[in-house]
C-alpha atoms as a PDB file:
ATOM      1  CA  MET A   1     -17.344 -18.264  -4.482  1.00  0.00           C
ATOM      2  CA  LYS A   2     -13.745 -17.492  -3.504  1.00  0.00           C
ATOM      3  CA  LEU A   3     -13.164 -15.479  -6.691  1.00  0.00           C
ATOM      4  CA  ILE A   4     -16.327 -13.447  -6.087  1.00  0.00           C
ATOM      5  CA  VAL A   5     -15.183 -12.587  -2.548  1.00  0.00           C
ATOM      6  CA  VAL A   6     -11.699 -11.660  -3.836  1.00  0.00           C
ATOM      7  CA  PHE A   7     -13.180  -9.466  -6.581  1.00  0.00           C
ATOM      8  CA  VAL A   8     -15.648  -7.707  -4.244  1.00  0.00           C
ATOM      9  CA  SER A   9     -12.884  -7.171  -1.670  1.00  0.00           C
ATOM     10  CA  GLY A  10     -10.676  -5.624  -4.359  1.00  0.00           C
ATOM     11  CA  VAL A  11     -13.464  -3.327  -5.505  1.00  0.00           C
ATOM     12  CA  ILE A  12     -14.170  -2.206  -1.936  1.00  0.00           C
ATOM     13  CA  PHE A  13     -10.446  -1.637  -1.327  1.00  0.00           C
ATOM     14  CA  ALA A  14     -10.051   0.393  -4.533  1.00  0.00           C
ATOM     15  CA  ALA A  15     -13.172   2.426  -3.777  1.00  0.00           C
ATOM     16  CA  GLY A  16     -11.846   3.162  -0.292  1.00  0.00           C
ATOM     17  CA  LEU A  17      -8.529   4.346  -1.747  1.00  0.00           C
ATOM     18  CA  VAL A  18     -10.322   6.625  -4.204  1.00  0.00           C
ATOM     19  CA  LEU A  19     -12.810   8.005  -1.645  1.00  0.00           C
ATOM     20  CA  GLY A  20     -10.053   8.487   0.925  1.00  0.00           C
ATOM     21  CA  GLY A  21      -7.914  10.481  -1.500  1.00  0.00           C
ATOM     22  CA  MET A  22      -5.046   7.981  -1.603  1.00  0.00           C
ATOM     23  CA  THR A  23      -5.057   7.982  -5.423  1.00  0.00           C
ATOM     24  CA  ASP A  24      -4.371  11.737  -5.616  1.00  0.00           C
ATOM     25  CA  PRO A  25      -0.596  12.199  -5.507  1.00  0.00           C
ATOM     26  CA  ARG A  26      -0.912  15.874  -4.520  1.00  0.00           C
ATOM     27  CA  LYS A  27      -2.979  14.925  -1.458  1.00  0.00           C
ATOM     28  CA  VAL A  28      -0.489  12.209  -0.483  1.00  0.00           C
ATOM     29  CA  GLN A  29       2.466  14.563  -0.890  1.00  0.00           C
ATOM     30  CA  ALA A  30       0.654  17.254   1.131  1.00  0.00           C
ATOM     31  CA  PHE A  31       0.124  14.656   3.897  1.00  0.00           C
ATOM     32  CA  LEU A  32       3.824  13.759   3.855  1.00  0.00           C
ATOM     33  CA  ASP A  33       4.851  17.443   3.859  1.00  0.00           C
ATOM     34  CA  VAL A  34       4.760  17.761   7.651  1.00  0.00           C
ATOM     35  CA  GLY A  35       7.435  20.465   7.809  1.00  0.00           C
ATOM     36  CA  GLY A  36       5.970  22.564   5.013  1.00  0.00           C
ATOM     37  CA  ILE A  37       9.091  22.098   2.871  1.00  0.00           C
ATOM     38  CA  GLY A  38       7.247  21.139  -0.341  1.00  0.00           C
ATOM     39  CA  ALA A  39       3.969  22.791  -1.277  1.00  0.00           C
ATOM     40  CA  GLY A  40       3.847  24.415   2.125  1.00  0.00           C
ATOM     41  CA  ARG A  41       0.539  23.169   3.520  1.00  0.00           C
ATOM     42  CA  TRP A  42       0.362  19.991   5.522  1.00  0.00           C
ATOM     43  CA  ASP A  43      -2.859  18.002   4.973  1.00  0.00           C
ATOM     44  CA  PRO A  44      -3.475  15.633   7.916  1.00  0.00           C
ATOM     45  CA  SER A  45      -6.707  14.162   6.491  1.00  0.00           C
ATOM     46  CA  LEU A  46      -5.073  10.936   5.271  1.00  0.00           C
ATOM     47  CA  ALA A  47      -4.353  10.087   8.905  1.00  0.00           C
ATOM     48  CA  PHE A  48      -8.050   9.188   9.187  1.00  0.00           C
ATOM     49  CA  VAL A  49      -7.724   6.808   6.213  1.00  0.00           C
ATOM     50  CA  MET A  50      -4.677   5.179   7.796  1.00  0.00           C
ATOM     51  CA  GLY A  51      -6.369   5.110  11.197  1.00  0.00           C
ATOM     52  CA  GLY A  52      -9.354   3.294   9.692  1.00  0.00           C
ATOM     53  CA  ALA A  53      -7.030   0.762   8.061  1.00  0.00           C
ATOM     54  CA  LEU A  54      -5.229   0.196  11.362  1.00  0.00           C
ATOM     55  CA  ALA A  55      -8.541  -0.300  13.175  1.00  0.00           C
ATOM     56  CA  VAL A  56      -9.644  -2.951  10.665  1.00  0.00           C
ATOM     57  CA  ALA A  57      -6.248  -4.674  10.889  1.00  0.00           C
ATOM     58  CA  ALA A  58      -6.334  -4.621  14.695  1.00  0.00           C
ATOM     59  CA  ILE A  59      -9.757  -6.300  14.687  1.00  0.00           C
ATOM     60  CA  ALA A  60      -8.561  -8.887  12.160  1.00  0.00           C
ATOM     61  CA  PHE A  61      -5.465  -9.727  14.212  1.00  0.00           C
ATOM     62  CA  ALA A  62      -7.555  -9.952  17.391  1.00  0.00           C
ATOM     63  CA  VAL A  63     -10.069 -12.330  15.780  1.00  0.00           C
ATOM     64  CA  GLN A  64      -7.541 -14.468  13.866  1.00  0.00           C
ATOM     65  CA  PRO A  65      -6.243 -16.540  16.837  1.00  0.00           C
ATOM     66  CA  ARG A  66      -9.824 -17.685  17.546  1.00  0.00           C
ATOM     67  CA  ARG A  67     -10.241 -19.231  14.105  1.00  0.00           C
ATOM     68  CA  ALA A  68      -8.721 -22.552  13.071  1.00  0.00           C
ATOM     69  CA  LYS A  69      -8.413 -21.481   9.429  1.00  0.00           C
ATOM     70  CA  PRO A  70      -9.523 -18.705   7.073  1.00  0.00           C
ATOM     71  CA  TRP A  71     -12.837 -18.977   5.221  1.00  0.00           C
ATOM     72  CA  PHE A  72     -11.255 -19.483   1.808  1.00  0.00           C
ATOM     73  CA  ALA A  73      -7.827 -21.022   2.490  1.00  0.00           C
ATOM     74  CA  GLU A  74      -6.348 -24.061   4.183  1.00  0.00           C
ATOM     75  CA  ARG A  75      -4.284 -22.041   6.661  1.00  0.00           C
ATOM     76  CA  PHE A  76      -3.339 -18.512   7.704  1.00  0.00           C
ATOM     77  CA  GLU A  77      -0.282 -17.041   5.947  1.00  0.00           C
ATOM     78  CA  LEU A  78       1.427 -15.038   8.663  1.00  0.00           C
ATOM     79  CA  PRO A  79       4.971 -13.647   8.465  1.00  0.00           C
ATOM     80  CA  ALA A  80       7.576 -16.090   9.749  1.00  0.00           C
ATOM     81  CA  VAL A  81      10.416 -13.553   9.960  1.00  0.00           C
ATOM     82  CA  ARG A  82      10.166 -11.361  13.030  1.00  0.00           C
ATOM     83  CA  HIS A  83      13.551  -9.594  13.151  1.00  0.00           C
ATOM     84  CA  ILE A  84      14.515  -6.218  11.758  1.00  0.00           C
ATOM     85  CA  ASP A  85      17.509  -6.275   9.411  1.00  0.00           C
ATOM     86  CA  ALA A  86      19.245  -3.974   6.933  1.00  0.00           C
ATOM     87  CA  ALA A  87      17.180  -5.254   4.005  1.00  0.00           C
ATOM     88  CA  LEU A  88      13.931  -4.385   5.802  1.00  0.00           C
ATOM     89  CA  ILE A  89      15.140  -0.913   6.756  1.00  0.00           C
ATOM     90  CA  GLY A  90      16.565  -0.249   3.280  1.00  0.00           C
ATOM     91  CA  GLY A  91      13.404  -1.444   1.563  1.00  0.00           C
ATOM     92  CA  ALA A  92      11.210   0.667   3.856  1.00  0.00           C
ATOM     93  CA  ALA A  93      13.383   3.715   3.175  1.00  0.00           C
ATOM     94  CA  LEU A  94      13.238   3.207  -0.601  1.00  0.00           C
ATOM     95  CA  PHE A  95       9.489   2.680  -0.432  1.00  0.00           C
ATOM     96  CA  GLY A  96       9.036   5.865   1.597  1.00  0.00           C
ATOM     97  CA  ILE A  97      11.261   7.942  -0.661  1.00  0.00           C
ATOM     98  CA  GLY A  98       9.448   6.676  -3.765  1.00  0.00           C
ATOM     99  CA  TRP A  99       6.056   7.284  -2.150  1.00  0.00           C
ATOM    100  CA  GLY A 100       7.034  10.816  -1.171  1.00  0.00           C
ATOM    101  CA  LEU A 101       8.460  11.707  -4.574  1.00  0.00           C
ATOM    102  CA  ALA A 102       5.760  10.152  -6.743  1.00  0.00           C
ATOM    103  CA  GLY A 103       2.782  10.343  -4.388  1.00  0.00           C
ATOM    104  CA  TYR A 104       1.857   6.758  -5.229  1.00  0.00           C
ATOM    105  CA  CYS A 105       2.323   3.412  -3.518  1.00  0.00           C
ATOM    106  CA  PRO A 106       1.366   0.107  -5.190  1.00  0.00           C
ATOM    107  CA  GLY A 107      -2.308  -0.160  -4.139  1.00  0.00           C
ATOM    108  CA  PRO A 108      -3.339   3.376  -5.018  1.00  0.00           C
ATOM    109  CA  ALA A 109      -1.235   3.222  -8.185  1.00  0.00           C
ATOM    110  CA  VAL A 110      -3.194   0.251  -9.484  1.00  0.00           C
ATOM    111  CA  ALA A 111      -6.476   1.877  -8.431  1.00  0.00           C
ATOM    112  CA  SER A 112      -5.392   5.037 -10.323  1.00  0.00           C
ATOM    113  CA  VAL A 113      -5.292   3.179 -13.633  1.00  0.00           C
ATOM    114  CA  THR A 114      -8.973   4.067 -14.049  1.00  0.00           C
ATOM    115  CA  THR A 115      -8.259   7.804 -13.811  1.00  0.00           C
ATOM    116  CA  GLY A 116      -5.540   7.728 -16.457  1.00  0.00           C
ATOM    117  CA  GLY A 117      -2.902  10.407 -16.730  1.00  0.00           C
ATOM    118  CA  LEU A 118       0.694  10.507 -17.824  1.00  0.00           C
ATOM    119  CA  ASP A 119       2.026  10.261 -14.283  1.00  0.00           C
ATOM    120  CA  ILE A 120       0.394   6.888 -13.630  1.00  0.00           C
ATOM    121  CA  ALA A 121       1.293   5.679 -17.137  1.00  0.00           C
ATOM    122  CA  LEU A 122       4.962   6.316 -16.255  1.00  0.00           C
ATOM    123  CA  PHE A 123       4.823   5.200 -12.622  1.00  0.00           C
ATOM    124  CA  LEU A 124       3.241   1.754 -13.060  1.00  0.00           C
ATOM    125  CA  PRO A 125       5.793   0.367 -15.556  1.00  0.00           C
ATOM    126  CA  ALA A 126       8.638   1.773 -13.431  1.00  0.00           C
ATOM    127  CA  MET A 127       7.121   0.119 -10.342  1.00  0.00           C
ATOM    128  CA  LEU A 128       6.796  -3.218 -12.138  1.00  0.00           C
ATOM    129  CA  VAL A 129      10.386  -3.054 -13.413  1.00  0.00           C
ATOM    130  CA  GLY A 130      11.534  -2.309  -9.869  1.00  0.00           C
ATOM    131  CA  MET A 131       9.628  -5.321  -8.551  1.00  0.00           C
ATOM    132  CA  VAL A 132      11.122  -7.637 -11.178  1.00  0.00           C
ATOM    133  CA  LEU A 133      14.659  -6.352 -10.567  1.00  0.00           C
ATOM    134  CA  THR A 134      14.251  -6.717  -6.811  1.00  0.00           C
ATOM    135  CA  LYS A 135      13.056 -10.296  -7.179  1.00  0.00           C
ATOM    136  CA  ARG A 136      15.985 -11.166  -9.442  1.00  0.00           C
ATOM    137  CA  PHE A 137      18.443  -9.492  -7.077  1.00  0.00           C
ATOM    138  CA  LEU A 138      17.057 -11.312  -4.038  1.00  0.00           C
ATOM    139  CA  ASN A 139      17.058 -14.668  -5.854  1.00  0.00           C
ATOM    140  CA  ARG A 140      20.786 -14.268  -6.585  1.00  0.00           C
ATOM    141  CA  ARG A 141      21.562 -13.827  -2.885  1.00  0.00           C
END
């Protein structure tokens, strides 16, 4: 049952990314182009996608303290680290720069596999290499 719920959740998430336009790098870059420096036209429509995600997350975080455990796990996996450090800021900056340049972040990139295209064929391996190198770098520290 757990695998069915995970699969259905993934399909719903991917469909939401596609329907919301998060898998179209031009739309993402137009959203990030607030000052009109790039293509010249800011597209605020993705704010509604992000607002919807924030609303769902807010409900989940409000309901979570009332439950003893999740439906399909032994315990909740919440972040233990609560401080902001240089690694967090640097990682967020790199993520944002990569997202702005490529127009993809990990979730939409994986969902974009179904649409094909040279850009996603180049982005996904580069993203995976970056993840592996980051893990190796962090394990050495």
